Structures are given as C-alpha cells and as structure tokens.
Amino acid sequence: MSYEDTPITEDKGTDTVLCTLDELEDPGSREFRVGRRERMFVVKKEGEVFAYMNLCPHQGTVLDWKPNTFLTTELDYIMCATHGALFEIEDGKCVWGPCLGRALAPIKVRVEDGNILLDE
C-alpha cells in the first residue's frame, strides 16, 4: 500500500483516534494521514508510543523507503531512507548521519482506553 492509498482519517483534534495500541507491533511503526495535517507516523516501543512528522530534518524528504517502514532492521532506531540517518525512537534526535544533533518534529499523542489519539 502506498501513501496515497492510506485512508485519510477525519481530523477531530484531540479526539482523533489513529489506531488501537494493539494494531502496532512492539517495536513497530505506522504512517497516518489525518485531514490536511502533515504526514505523520507513530512508533511503538516497549508499550510506549512516540509520534513524529514524516520529514527528515536534513532535506525534508520522507523517512520511509516503503509504506510503514520507519525502523532499522534491528528495530532499534528510526532511519531515513534517503541518506541513512538514524534517530532515537524516544526523542527523535539524530544520532548518526547528515543531520547529526538535529531532531524529528514531534507530534503529541496519548494512549486512552487502548487507543492512540492525537493530543494537539
């Protein structure tokens, strides 16, 4: 499934449900389209969720090389498919690559009643 095939979720602000917590592998990731918002993705690691704009701070390209593929093969870092930059899952900080020291733009999310919701 390509990004264009990803269903667009209606933007209900902080009531927008992205998916259930169980729908994500642990660790795992998934991209979402919400209304007219920027491309975003969520990563689940050890039961926690982290969300970012799908935009590399180096050149503004998308991070995934195929749909919903944001993590390294070891599932321990977020990786930019364009230049191989590595980002920490928990805070989006680049720890290797051309944007070293910069970070992904975070998106606030929360888990409520087993659902992952936007929190902004």
PDB file of N, CA and C in Angstrom:
ATOM      1  N   MET A   1       0.841  -1.179   0.000  1.00  0.00           N
ATOM      2  CA  MET A   1       0.000   0.000   0.000  1.00  0.00           C
ATOM      3  C   MET A   1       0.888   1.244   0.000  1.00  0.00           C
ATOM      4  N   SER A   2       0.609   2.163  -0.892  1.00  0.00           N
ATOM      5  CA  SER A   2       1.368   3.406  -0.964  1.00  0.00           C
ATOM      6  C   SER A   2       0.738   4.444  -0.044  1.00  0.00           C
ATOM      7  N   TYR A   3       1.468   5.558   0.141  1.00  0.00           N
ATOM      8  CA  TYR A   3       0.954   6.638   0.978  1.00  0.00           C
ATOM      9  C   TYR A   3      -0.394   7.121   0.445  1.00  0.00           C
ATOM     10  N   GLU A   4      -0.511   7.241  -0.858  1.00  0.00           N
ATOM     11  CA  GLU A   4      -1.748   7.712  -1.460  1.00  0.00           C
ATOM     12  C   GLU A   4      -2.907   6.770  -1.173  1.00  0.00           C
ATOM     13  N   ASP A   5      -2.615   5.492  -0.932  1.00  0.00           N
ATOM     14  CA  ASP A   5      -3.652   4.506  -0.623  1.00  0.00           C
ATOM     15  C   ASP A   5      -4.020   4.489   0.862  1.00  0.00           C
ATOM     16  N   THR A   6      -3.229   5.173   1.693  1.00  0.00           N
ATOM     17  CA  THR A   6      -3.512   5.220   3.122  1.00  0.00           C
ATOM     18  C   THR A   6      -4.784   6.027   3.344  1.00  0.00           C
ATOM     19  N   PRO A   7      -5.768   5.455   4.043  1.00  0.00           N
ATOM     20  CA  PRO A   7      -7.014   6.199   4.263  1.00  0.00           C
ATOM     21  C   PRO A   7      -6.763   7.489   5.042  1.00  0.00           C
ATOM     22  N   ILE A   8      -7.541   8.515   4.715  1.00  0.00           N
ATOM     23  CA  ILE A   8      -7.436   9.784   5.431  1.00  0.00           C
ATOM     24  C   ILE A   8      -8.420   9.750   6.587  1.00  0.00           C
ATOM     25  N   THR A   9      -7.886   9.928   7.792  1.00  0.00           N
ATOM     26  CA  THR A   9      -8.709   9.975   8.991  1.00  0.00           C
ATOM     27  C   THR A   9      -9.229  11.392   9.171  1.00  0.00           C
ATOM     28  N   GLU A  10     -10.490  11.510   9.527  1.00  0.00           N
ATOM     29  CA  GLU A  10     -11.057  12.833   9.783  1.00  0.00           C
ATOM     30  C   GLU A  10     -10.340  13.463  10.966  1.00  0.00           C
ATOM     31  N   ASP A  11      -9.970  14.716  10.836  1.00  0.00           N
ATOM     32  CA  ASP A  11      -9.274  15.436  11.893  1.00  0.00           C
ATOM     33  C   ASP A  11     -10.287  15.942  12.912  1.00  0.00           C
ATOM     34  N   LYS A  12     -10.287  15.318  14.075  1.00  0.00           N
ATOM     35  CA  LYS A  12     -11.184  15.715  15.165  1.00  0.00           C
ATOM     36  C   LYS A  12     -10.386  16.321  16.310  1.00  0.00           C
ATOM     37  N   GLY A  13      -9.238  16.900  15.983  1.00  0.00           N
ATOM     38  CA  GLY A  13      -8.394  17.492  17.022  1.00  0.00           C
ATOM     39  C   GLY A  13      -7.931  16.442  18.016  1.00  0.00           C
ATOM     40  N   THR A  14      -8.055  16.738  19.299  1.00  0.00           N
ATOM     41  CA  THR A  14      -7.565  15.813  20.327  1.00  0.00           C
ATOM     42  C   THR A  14      -8.443  14.578  20.484  1.00  0.00           C
ATOM     43  N   ASP A  15      -9.545  14.507  19.763  1.00  0.00           N
ATOM     44  CA  ASP A  15     -10.396  13.316  19.782  1.00  0.00           C
ATOM     45  C   ASP A  15     -10.117  12.397  18.598  1.00  0.00           C
ATOM     46  N   THR A  16      -9.080  12.700  17.815  1.00  0.00           N
ATOM     47  CA  THR A  16      -8.754  11.898  16.635  1.00  0.00           C
ATOM     48  C   THR A  16      -8.066  10.602  17.054  1.00  0.00           C
ATOM     49  N   VAL A  17      -8.715   9.476  16.781  1.00  0.00           N
ATOM     50  CA  VAL A  17      -8.141   8.158  17.056  1.00  0.00           C
ATOM     51  C   VAL A  17      -7.333   7.737  15.835  1.00  0.00           C
ATOM     52  N   LEU A  18      -6.032   7.460  16.047  1.00  0.00           N
ATOM     53  CA  LEU A  18      -5.182   6.996  14.951  1.00  0.00           C
ATOM     54  C   LEU A  18      -5.349   5.502  14.735  1.00  0.00           C
ATOM     55  N   CYS A  19      -5.280   4.737  15.827  1.00  0.00           N
ATOM     56  CA  CYS A  19      -5.469   3.292  15.779  1.00  0.00           C
ATOM     57  C   CYS A  19      -5.503   2.780  17.218  1.00  0.00           C
ATOM     58  N   THR A  20      -5.701   1.502  17.380  1.00  0.00           N
ATOM     59  CA  THR A  20      -5.603   0.932  18.724  1.00  0.00           C
ATOM     60  C   THR A  20      -4.141   0.605  19.002  1.00  0.00           C
ATOM     61  N   LEU A  21      -3.794   0.558  20.253  1.00  0.00           N
ATOM     62  CA  LEU A  21      -2.426   0.221  20.656  1.00  0.00           C
ATOM     63  C   LEU A  21      -2.056  -1.174  20.157  1.00  0.00           C
ATOM     64  N   ASP A  22      -3.023  -2.077  20.156  1.00  0.00           N
ATOM     65  CA  ASP A  22      -2.775  -3.459  19.718  1.00  0.00           C
ATOM     66  C   ASP A  22      -2.517  -3.590  18.223  1.00  0.00           C
ATOM     67  N   GLU A  23      -2.885  -2.584  17.445  1.00  0.00           N
ATOM     68  CA  GLU A  23      -2.673  -2.656  15.998  1.00  0.00           C
ATOM     69  C   GLU A  23      -1.219  -2.440  15.597  1.00  0.00           C
ATOM     70  N   LEU A  24      -0.388  -1.972  16.528  1.00  0.00           N
ATOM     71  CA  LEU A  24       1.036  -1.766  16.243  1.00  0.00           C
ATOM     72  C   LEU A  24       1.860  -2.871  16.867  1.00  0.00           C
ATOM     73  N   GLU A  25       2.806  -3.387  16.097  1.00  0.00           N
ATOM     74  CA  GLU A  25       3.776  -4.342  16.642  1.00  0.00           C
ATOM     75  C   GLU A  25       4.601  -3.625  17.695  1.00  0.00           C
ATOM     76  N   ASP A  26       5.315  -4.356  18.521  1.00  0.00           N
ATOM     77  CA  ASP A  26       6.163  -3.745  19.547  1.00  0.00           C
ATOM     78  C   ASP A  26       7.536  -4.406  19.520  1.00  0.00           C
ATOM     79  N   PRO A  27       8.534  -3.753  18.933  1.00  0.00           N
ATOM     80  CA  PRO A  27       8.502  -2.439  18.311  1.00  0.00           C
ATOM     81  C   PRO A  27       7.896  -2.501  16.914  1.00  0.00           C
ATOM     82  N   GLY A  28       7.319  -1.373  16.519  1.00  0.00           N
ATOM     83  CA  GLY A  28       6.712  -1.266  15.199  1.00  0.00           C
ATOM     84  C   GLY A  28       6.357   0.171  14.890  1.00  0.00           C
ATOM     85  N   SER A  29       5.958   0.409  13.634  1.00  0.00           N
ATOM     86  CA  SER A  29       5.652   1.772  13.210  1.00  0.00           C
ATOM     87  C   SER A  29       4.563   1.753  12.154  1.00  0.00           C
ATOM     88  N   ARG A  30       3.921   2.924  12.017  1.00  0.00           N
ATOM     89  CA  ARG A  30       2.858   3.044  11.019  1.00  0.00           C
ATOM     90  C   ARG A  30       2.628   4.518  10.696  1.00  0.00           C
ATOM     91  N   GLU A  31       2.382   4.790   9.429  1.00  0.00           N
ATOM     92  CA  GLU A  31       2.111   6.155   8.982  1.00  0.00           C
ATOM     93  C   GLU A  31       0.612   6.416   9.005  1.00  0.00           C
ATOM     94  N   PHE A  32       0.251   7.696   9.203  1.00  0.00           N
ATOM     95  CA  PHE A  32      -1.146   8.104   9.230  1.00  0.00           C
ATOM     96  C   PHE A  32      -1.344   9.370   8.419  1.00  0.00           C
ATOM     97  N   ARG A  33      -2.518   9.473   7.823  1.00  0.00           N
ATOM     98  CA  ARG A  33      -2.961  10.696   7.145  1.00  0.00           C
ATOM     99  C   ARG A  33      -4.159  11.200   7.929  1.00  0.00           C
ATOM    100  N   VAL A  34      -4.051  12.404   8.447  1.00  0.00           N
ATOM    101  CA  VAL A  34      -5.132  12.982   9.236  1.00  0.00           C
ATOM    102  C   VAL A  34      -5.511  14.320   8.620  1.00  0.00           C
ATOM    103  N   GLY A  35      -6.714  14.390   8.081  1.00  0.00           N
ATOM    104  CA  GLY A  35      -7.201  15.624   7.478  1.00  0.00           C
ATOM    105  C   GLY A  35      -6.171  16.236   6.558  1.00  0.00           C
ATOM    106  N   ARG A  36      -5.879  17.519   6.789  1.00  0.00           N
ATOM    107  CA  ARG A  36      -4.895  18.227   5.970  1.00  0.00           C
ATOM    108  C   ARG A  36      -3.559  18.388   6.683  1.00  0.00           C
ATOM    109  N   ARG A  37      -3.366  17.637   7.758  1.00  0.00           N
ATOM    110  CA  ARG A  37      -2.110  17.729   8.509  1.00  0.00           C
ATOM    111  C   ARG A  37      -0.959  17.143   7.706  1.00  0.00           C
ATOM    112  N   GLU A  38       0.243  17.482   8.148  1.00  0.00           N
ATOM    113  CA  GLU A  38       1.457  16.922   7.538  1.00  0.00           C
ATOM    114  C   GLU A  38       1.474  15.404   7.724  1.00  0.00           C
ATOM    115  N   ARG A  39       2.233  14.739   6.882  1.00  0.00           N
ATOM    116  CA  ARG A  39       2.411  13.284   7.018  1.00  0.00           C
ATOM    117  C   ARG A  39       2.978  12.995   8.399  1.00  0.00           C
ATOM    118  N   MET A  40       2.490  11.969   9.054  1.00  0.00           N
ATOM    119  CA  MET A  40       2.952  11.629  10.398  1.00  0.00           C
ATOM    120  C   MET A  40       3.052  10.118  10.549  1.00  0.00           C
ATOM    121  N   PHE A  41       3.842   9.710  11.550  1.00  0.00           N
ATOM    122  CA  PHE A  41       3.931   8.284  11.852  1.00  0.00           C
ATOM    123  C   PHE A  41       4.069   8.098  13.352  1.00  0.00           C
ATOM    124  N   VAL A  42       3.705   6.895  13.784  1.00  0.00           N
ATOM    125  CA  VAL A  42       3.767   6.532  15.194  1.00  0.00           C
ATOM    126  C   VAL A  42       4.674   5.321  15.322  1.00  0.00           C
ATOM    127  N   VAL A  43       5.480   5.312  16.376  1.00  0.00           N
ATOM    128  CA  VAL A  43       6.334   4.170  16.701  1.00  0.00           C
ATOM    129  C   VAL A  43       5.935   3.673  18.077  1.00  0.00           C
ATOM    130  N   LYS A  44       5.829   2.362  18.202  1.00  0.00           N
ATOM    131  CA  LYS A  44       5.562   1.739  19.499  1.00  0.00           C
ATOM    132  C   LYS A  44       6.816   0.997  19.928  1.00  0.00           C
ATOM    133  N   LYS A  45       7.246   1.259  21.154  1.00  0.00           N
ATOM    134  CA  LYS A  45       8.423   0.590  21.690  1.00  0.00           C
ATOM    135  C   LYS A  45       8.203   0.360  23.177  1.00  0.00           C
ATOM    136  N   GLU A  46       8.284  -0.893  23.590  1.00  0.00           N
ATOM    137  CA  GLU A  46       8.108  -1.291  24.984  1.00  0.00           C
ATOM    138  C   GLU A  46       6.820  -0.721  25.569  1.00  0.00           C
ATOM    139  N   GLY A  47       5.748  -0.773  24.782  1.00  0.00           N
ATOM    140  CA  GLY A  47       4.440  -0.342  25.237  1.00  0.00           C
ATOM    141  C   GLY A  47       4.194   1.156  25.175  1.00  0.00           C
ATOM    142  N   GLU A  48       5.217   1.943  24.875  1.00  0.00           N
ATOM    143  CA  GLU A  48       5.056   3.392  24.760  1.00  0.00           C
ATOM    144  C   GLU A  48       4.931   3.774  23.296  1.00  0.00           C
ATOM    145  N   VAL A  49       4.290   4.922  23.049  1.00  0.00           N
ATOM    146  CA  VAL A  49       4.157   5.396  21.675  1.00  0.00           C
ATOM    147  C   VAL A  49       4.789   6.776  21.518  1.00  0.00           C
ATOM    148  N   PHE A  50       5.363   6.977  20.348  1.00  0.00           N
ATOM    149  CA  PHE A  50       6.038   8.230  20.005  1.00  0.00           C
ATOM    150  C   PHE A  50       5.604   8.576  18.588  1.00  0.00           C
ATOM    151  N   ALA A  51       5.347   9.848  18.336  1.00  0.00           N
ATOM    152  CA  ALA A  51       4.871  10.242  17.011  1.00  0.00           C
ATOM    153  C   ALA A  51       5.698  11.413  16.481  1.00  0.00           C
ATOM    154  N   TYR A  52       5.900  11.408  15.164  1.00  0.00           N
ATOM    155  CA  TYR A  52       6.713  12.424  14.501  1.00  0.00           C
ATOM    156  C   TYR A  52       6.135  12.744  13.133  1.00  0.00           C
ATOM    157  N   MET A  53       6.493  13.923  12.625  1.00  0.00           N
ATOM    158  CA  MET A  53       6.190  14.234  11.236  1.00  0.00           C
ATOM    159  C   MET A  53       7.095  13.366  10.367  1.00  0.00           C
ATOM    160  N   ASN A  54       6.583  12.907   9.261  1.00  0.00           N
ATOM    161  CA  ASN A  54       7.367  12.070   8.349  1.00  0.00           C
ATOM    162  C   ASN A  54       8.182  12.974   7.428  1.00  0.00           C
ATOM    163  N   LEU A  55       9.203  13.586   8.028  1.00  0.00           N
ATOM    164  CA  LEU A  55      10.013  14.566   7.331  1.00  0.00           C
ATOM    165  C   LEU A  55      11.418  14.563   7.926  1.00  0.00           C
ATOM    166  N   CYS A  56      12.415  14.266   7.111  1.00  0.00           N
ATOM    167  CA  CYS A  56      13.794  14.280   7.594  1.00  0.00           C
ATOM    168  C   CYS A  56      14.262  15.724   7.756  1.00  0.00           C
ATOM    169  N   PRO A  57      14.891  16.069   8.879  1.00  0.00           N
ATOM    170  CA  PRO A  57      15.359  17.437   9.077  1.00  0.00           C
ATOM    171  C   PRO A  57      16.534  17.817   8.171  1.00  0.00           C
ATOM    172  N   HIS A  58      17.118  16.856   7.475  1.00  0.00           N
ATOM    173  CA  HIS A  58      18.258  17.138   6.596  1.00  0.00           C
ATOM    174  C   HIS A  58      17.810  17.799   5.293  1.00  0.00           C
ATOM    175  N   GLN A  59      16.925  17.122   4.539  1.00  0.00           N
ATOM    176  CA  GLN A  59      16.499  17.673   3.252  1.00  0.00           C
ATOM    177  C   GLN A  59      14.990  17.716   3.071  1.00  0.00           C
ATOM    178  N   GLY A  60      14.263  17.385   4.111  1.00  0.00           N
ATOM    179  CA  GLY A  60      12.809  17.440   4.028  1.00  0.00           C
ATOM    180  C   GLY A  60      12.164  16.304   3.268  1.00  0.00           C
ATOM    181  N   THR A  61      12.901  15.218   3.048  1.00  0.00           N
ATOM    182  CA  THR A  61      12.338  14.058   2.365  1.00  0.00           C
ATOM    183  C   THR A  61      11.588  13.196   3.371  1.00  0.00           C
ATOM    184  N   VAL A  62      10.713  12.316   2.875  1.00  0.00           N
ATOM    185  CA  VAL A  62      10.032  11.384   3.769  1.00  0.00           C
ATOM    186  C   VAL A  62      11.040  10.347   4.257  1.00  0.00           C
ATOM    187  N   LEU A  63      10.767   9.772   5.408  1.00  0.00           N
ATOM    188  CA  LEU A  63      11.719   8.848   6.030  1.00  0.00           C
ATOM    189  C   LEU A  63      11.591   7.412   5.546  1.00  0.00           C
ATOM    190  N   ASP A  64      10.376   6.963   5.265  1.00  0.00           N
ATOM    191  CA  ASP A  64      10.165   5.549   4.940  1.00  0.00           C
ATOM    192  C   ASP A  64      10.530   5.231   3.494  1.00  0.00           C
ATOM    193  N   TRP A  65      11.172   4.078   3.307  1.00  0.00           N
ATOM    194  CA  TRP A  65      11.541   3.652   1.956  1.00  0.00           C
ATOM    195  C   TRP A  65      10.455   2.791   1.332  1.00  0.00           C
ATOM    196  N   LYS A  66       9.559   2.281   2.140  1.00  0.00           N
ATOM    197  CA  LYS A  66       8.335   1.634   1.676  1.00  0.00           C
ATOM    198  C   LYS A  66       7.290   1.893   2.760  1.00  0.00           C
ATOM    199  N   PRO A  67       6.014   1.800   2.452  1.00  0.00           N
ATOM    200  CA  PRO A  67       4.983   2.167   3.416  1.00  0.00           C
ATOM    201  C   PRO A  67       5.178   1.531   4.794  1.00  0.00           C
ATOM    202  N   ASN A  68       5.088   2.368   5.816  1.00  0.00           N
ATOM    203  CA  ASN A  68       5.143   1.957   7.223  1.00  0.00           C
ATOM    204  C   ASN A  68       6.473   1.342   7.642  1.00  0.00           C
ATOM    205  N   THR A  69       7.532   1.598   6.888  1.00  0.00           N
ATOM    206  CA  THR A  69       8.851   1.072   7.226  1.00  0.00           C
ATOM    207  C   THR A  69       9.734   2.238   7.653  1.00  0.00           C
ATOM    208  N   PHE A  70       9.754   2.480   8.958  1.00  0.00           N
ATOM    209  CA  PHE A  70      10.496   3.601   9.522  1.00  0.00           C
ATOM    210  C   PHE A  70      11.676   3.151  10.382  1.00  0.00           C
ATOM    211  N   LEU A  71      11.697   1.895  10.788  1.00  0.00           N
ATOM    212  CA  LEU A  71      12.713   1.412  11.718  1.00  0.00           C
ATOM    213  C   LEU A  71      13.812   0.634  11.003  1.00  0.00           C
ATOM    214  N   THR A  72      14.986   0.620  11.635  1.00  0.00           N
ATOM    215  CA  THR A  72      16.090  -0.195  11.120  1.00  0.00           C
ATOM    216  C   THR A  72      15.699  -1.669  11.183  1.00  0.00           C
ATOM    217  N   THR A  73      16.462  -2.524  10.525  1.00  0.00           N
ATOM    218  CA  THR A  73      16.150  -3.961  10.551  1.00  0.00           C
ATOM    219  C   THR A  73      16.235  -4.526  11.962  1.00  0.00           C
ATOM    220  N   GLU A  74      17.034  -3.898  12.831  1.00  0.00           N
ATOM    221  CA  GLU A  74      17.142  -4.334  14.222  1.00  0.00           C
ATOM    222  C   GLU A  74      16.014  -3.755  15.081  1.00  0.00           C
ATOM    223  N   LEU A  75      15.191  -2.863  14.488  1.00  0.00           N
ATOM    224  CA  LEU A  75      14.052  -2.226  15.151  1.00  0.00           C
ATOM    225  C   LEU A  75      14.456  -1.363  16.344  1.00  0.00           C
ATOM    226  N   ASP A  76      15.692  -0.809  16.290  1.00  0.00           N
ATOM    227  CA  ASP A  76      16.170  -0.025  17.423  1.00  0.00           C
ATOM    228  C   ASP A  76      16.309   1.467  17.151  1.00  0.00           C
ATOM    229  N   TYR A  77      16.189   1.895  15.893  1.00  0.00           N
ATOM    230  CA  TYR A  77      16.262   3.307  15.532  1.00  0.00           C
ATOM    231  C   TYR A  77      15.275   3.589  14.411  1.00  0.00           C
ATOM    232  N   ILE A  78      14.864   4.845  14.298  1.00  0.00           N
ATOM    233  CA  ILE A  78      14.142   5.325  13.126  1.00  0.00           C
ATOM    234  C   ILE A  78      15.221   5.658  12.103  1.00  0.00           C
ATOM    235  N   MET A  79      14.990   5.281  10.846  1.00  0.00           N
ATOM    236  CA  MET A  79      16.011   5.512   9.824  1.00  0.00           C
ATOM    237  C   MET A  79      15.432   6.265   8.633  1.00  0.00           C
ATOM    238  N   CYS A  80      16.191   7.237   8.150  1.00  0.00           N
ATOM    239  CA  CYS A  80      15.819   7.952   6.938  1.00  0.00           C
ATOM    240  C   CYS A  80      16.289   7.138   5.732  1.00  0.00           C
ATOM    241  N   ALA A  81      15.363   6.826   4.855  1.00  0.00           N
ATOM    242  CA  ALA A  81      15.697   6.017   3.684  1.00  0.00           C
ATOM    243  C   ALA A  81      16.570   6.767   2.679  1.00  0.00           C
ATOM    244  N   THR A  82      16.556   8.086   2.699  1.00  0.00           N
ATOM    245  CA  THR A  82      17.314   8.853   1.714  1.00  0.00           C
ATOM    246  C   THR A  82      18.814   8.816   1.978  1.00  0.00           C
ATOM    247  N   HIS A  83      19.242   9.105   3.202  1.00  0.00           N
ATOM    248  CA  HIS A  83      20.671   9.168   3.499  1.00  0.00           C
ATOM    249  C   HIS A  83      21.100   8.270   4.659  1.00  0.00           C
ATOM    250  N   GLY A  84      20.195   7.473   5.198  1.00  0.00           N
ATOM    251  CA  GLY A  84      20.558   6.531   6.254  1.00  0.00           C
ATOM    252  C   GLY A  84      20.718   7.147   7.630  1.00  0.00           C
ATOM    253  N   ALA A  85      20.274   8.367   7.822  1.00  0.00           N
ATOM    254  CA  ALA A  85      20.363   8.988   9.154  1.00  0.00           C
ATOM    255  C   ALA A  85      19.584   8.151  10.160  1.00  0.00           C
ATOM    256  N   LEU A  86      20.100   8.081  11.384  1.00  0.00           N
ATOM    257  CA  LEU A  86      19.452   7.322  12.444  1.00  0.00           C
ATOM    258  C   LEU A  86      18.962   8.264  13.535  1.00  0.00           C
ATOM    259  N   PHE A  87      17.745   8.002  14.000  1.00  0.00           N
ATOM    260  CA  PHE A  87      17.109   8.828  15.017  1.00  0.00           C
ATOM    261  C   PHE A  87      16.670   7.954  16.184  1.00  0.00           C
ATOM    262  N   GLU A  88      16.845   8.468  17.398  1.00  0.00           N
ATOM    263  CA  GLU A  88      16.368   7.755  18.579  1.00  0.00           C
ATOM    264  C   GLU A  88      14.845   7.726  18.552  1.00  0.00           C
ATOM    265  N   ILE A  89      14.280   6.587  18.914  1.00  0.00           N
ATOM    266  CA  ILE A  89      12.831   6.430  18.890  1.00  0.00           C
ATOM    267  C   ILE A  89      12.169   7.332  19.930  1.00  0.00           C
ATOM    268  N   GLU A  90      12.753   7.419  21.103  1.00  0.00           N
ATOM    269  CA  GLU A  90      12.116   8.111  22.222  1.00  0.00           C
ATOM    270  C   GLU A  90      12.057   9.631  22.101  1.00  0.00           C
ATOM    271  N   ASP A  91      13.008  10.242  21.410  1.00  0.00           N
ATOM    272  CA  ASP A  91      13.007  11.710  21.324  1.00  0.00           C
ATOM    273  C   ASP A  91      13.255  12.251  19.918  1.00  0.00           C
ATOM    274  N   GLY A  92      13.453  11.369  18.939  1.00  0.00           N
ATOM    275  CA  GLY A  92      13.642  11.791  17.558  1.00  0.00           C
ATOM    276  C   GLY A  92      14.983  12.425  17.249  1.00  0.00           C
ATOM    277  N   LYS A  93      15.908  12.425  18.197  1.00  0.00           N
ATOM    278  CA  LYS A  93      17.209  13.068  17.989  1.00  0.00           C
ATOM    279  C   LYS A  93      18.062  12.241  17.025  1.00  0.00           C
ATOM    280  N   CYS A  94      18.686  12.920  16.059  1.00  0.00           N
ATOM    281  CA  CYS A  94      19.570  12.254  15.100  1.00  0.00           C
ATOM    282  C   CYS A  94      20.886  11.924  15.796  1.00  0.00           C
ATOM    283  N   VAL A  95      21.255  10.652  15.738  1.00  0.00           N
ATOM    284  CA  VAL A  95      22.491  10.202  16.386  1.00  0.00           C
ATOM    285  C   VAL A  95      23.540   9.755  15.374  1.00  0.00           C
ATOM    286  N   TRP A  96      23.150   9.717  14.087  1.00  0.00           N
ATOM    287  CA  TRP A  96      24.102   9.354  13.039  1.00  0.00           C
ATOM    288  C   TRP A  96      23.573   9.865  11.710  1.00  0.00           C
ATOM    289  N   GLY A  97      24.461  10.451  10.909  1.00  0.00           N
ATOM    290  CA  GLY A  97      24.087  10.881   9.570  1.00  0.00           C
ATOM    291  C   GLY A  97      24.231  12.374   9.364  1.00  0.00           C
ATOM    292  N   PRO A  98      23.760  12.868   8.224  1.00  0.00           N
ATOM    293  CA  PRO A  98      23.989  14.256   7.843  1.00  0.00           C
ATOM    294  C   PRO A  98      23.254  15.296   8.691  1.00  0.00           C
ATOM    295  N   CYS A  99      22.319  14.885   9.505  1.00  0.00           N
ATOM    296  CA  CYS A  99      21.599  15.856  10.352  1.00  0.00           C
ATOM    297  C   CYS A  99      21.915  15.624  11.830  1.00  0.00           C
ATOM    298  N   LEU A 100      23.088  15.111  12.111  1.00  0.00           N
ATOM    299  CA  LEU A 100      23.527  14.806  13.470  1.00  0.00           C
ATOM    300  C   LEU A 100      23.241  15.980  14.412  1.00  0.00           C
ATOM    301  N   GLY A 101      22.605  15.680  15.533  1.00  0.00           N
ATOM    302  CA  GLY A 101      22.285  16.696  16.528  1.00  0.00           C
ATOM    303  C   GLY A 101      20.930  17.361  16.324  1.00  0.00           C
ATOM    304  N   ARG A 102      20.357  17.245  15.138  1.00  0.00           N
ATOM    305  CA  ARG A 102      19.019  17.788  14.893  1.00  0.00           C
ATOM    306  C   ARG A 102      18.005  16.721  15.281  1.00  0.00           C
ATOM    307  N   ALA A 103      16.729  17.018  15.171  1.00  0.00           N
ATOM    308  CA  ALA A 103      15.714  16.050  15.604  1.00  0.00           C
ATOM    309  C   ALA A 103      14.491  16.084  14.697  1.00  0.00           C
ATOM    310  N   LEU A 104      13.756  14.998  14.714  1.00  0.00           N
ATOM    311  CA  LEU A 104      12.476  14.927  14.027  1.00  0.00           C
ATOM    312  C   LEU A 104      11.484  15.829  14.753  1.00  0.00           C
ATOM    313  N   ALA A 105      10.506  16.326  14.031  1.00  0.00           N
ATOM    314  CA  ALA A 105       9.465  17.173  14.632  1.00  0.00           C
ATOM    315  C   ALA A 105       8.441  16.274  15.321  1.00  0.00           C
ATOM    316  N   PRO A 106       8.322  16.402  16.651  1.00  0.00           N
ATOM    317  CA  PRO A 106       7.395  15.528  17.380  1.00  0.00           C
ATOM    318  C   PRO A 106       5.943  15.934  17.189  1.00  0.00           C
ATOM    319  N   ILE A 107       5.073  14.959  17.321  1.00  0.00           N
ATOM    320  CA  ILE A 107       3.629  15.179  17.328  1.00  0.00           C
ATOM    321  C   ILE A 107       3.123  14.574  18.633  1.00  0.00           C
ATOM    322  N   LYS A 108       2.346  15.342  19.370  1.00  0.00           N
ATOM    323  CA  LYS A 108       1.848  14.866  20.660  1.00  0.00           C
ATOM    324  C   LYS A 108       0.724  13.862  20.449  1.00  0.00           C
ATOM    325  N   VAL A 109       0.882  12.702  21.076  1.00  0.00           N
ATOM    326  CA  VAL A 109      -0.151  11.672  21.081  1.00  0.00           C
ATOM    327  C   VAL A 109      -0.312  11.164  22.513  1.00  0.00           C
ATOM    328  N   ARG A 110      -1.411  10.481  22.754  1.00  0.00           N
ATOM    329  CA  ARG A 110      -1.649   9.879  24.058  1.00  0.00           C
ATOM    330  C   ARG A 110      -2.361   8.549  23.855  1.00  0.00           C
ATOM    331  N   VAL A 111      -2.275   7.695  24.858  1.00  0.00           N
ATOM    332  CA  VAL A 111      -2.993   6.426  24.832  1.00  0.00           C
ATOM    333  C   VAL A 111      -4.134   6.542  25.831  1.00  0.00           C
ATOM    334  N   GLU A 112      -5.328   6.249  25.361  1.00  0.00           N
ATOM    335  CA  GLU A 112      -6.526   6.355  26.187  1.00  0.00           C
ATOM    336  C   GLU A 112      -7.470   5.214  25.823  1.00  0.00           C
ATOM    337  N   ASP A 113      -7.842   4.418  26.801  1.00  0.00           N
ATOM    338  CA  ASP A 113      -8.749   3.286  26.580  1.00  0.00           C
ATOM    339  C   ASP A 113      -8.266   2.363  25.463  1.00  0.00           C
ATOM    340  N   GLY A 114      -6.945   2.159  25.398  1.00  0.00           N
ATOM    341  CA  GLY A 114      -6.384   1.262  24.400  1.00  0.00           C
ATOM    342  C   GLY A 114      -6.242   1.857  23.011  1.00  0.00           C
ATOM    343  N   ASN A 115      -6.571   3.141  22.852  1.00  0.00           N
ATOM    344  CA  ASN A 115      -6.456   3.828  21.564  1.00  0.00           C
ATOM    345  C   ASN A 115      -5.321   4.836  21.584  1.00  0.00           C
ATOM    346  N   ILE A 116      -4.694   5.028  20.424  1.00  0.00           N
ATOM    347  CA  ILE A 116      -3.689   6.078  20.264  1.00  0.00           C
ATOM    348  C   ILE A 116      -4.406   7.266  19.638  1.00  0.00           C
ATOM    349  N   LEU A 117      -4.378   8.396  20.353  1.00  0.00           N
ATOM    350  CA  LEU A 117      -5.067   9.606  19.910  1.00  0.00           C
ATOM    351  C   LEU A 117      -4.099  10.769  19.748  1.00  0.00           C
ATOM    352  N   LEU A 118      -4.443  11.681  18.846  1.00  0.00           N
ATOM    353  CA  LEU A 118      -3.687  12.924  18.760  1.00  0.00           C
ATOM    354  C   LEU A 118      -3.905  13.692  20.063  1.00  0.00           C
ATOM    355  N   ASP A 119      -2.899  14.406  20.503  1.00  0.00           N
ATOM    356  CA  ASP A 119      -3.013  15.158  21.735  1.00  0.00           C
ATOM    357  C   ASP A 119      -2.705  16.639  21.490  1.00  0.00           C
ATOM    358  N   GLU A 120      -3.002  17.093  20.288  1.00  0.00           N
ATOM    359  CA  GLU A 120      -2.811  18.507  19.941  1.00  0.00           C
ATOM    360  C   GLU A 120      -3.760  18.896  18.843  1.00  0.00           C
TER     361      GLU A 120
END
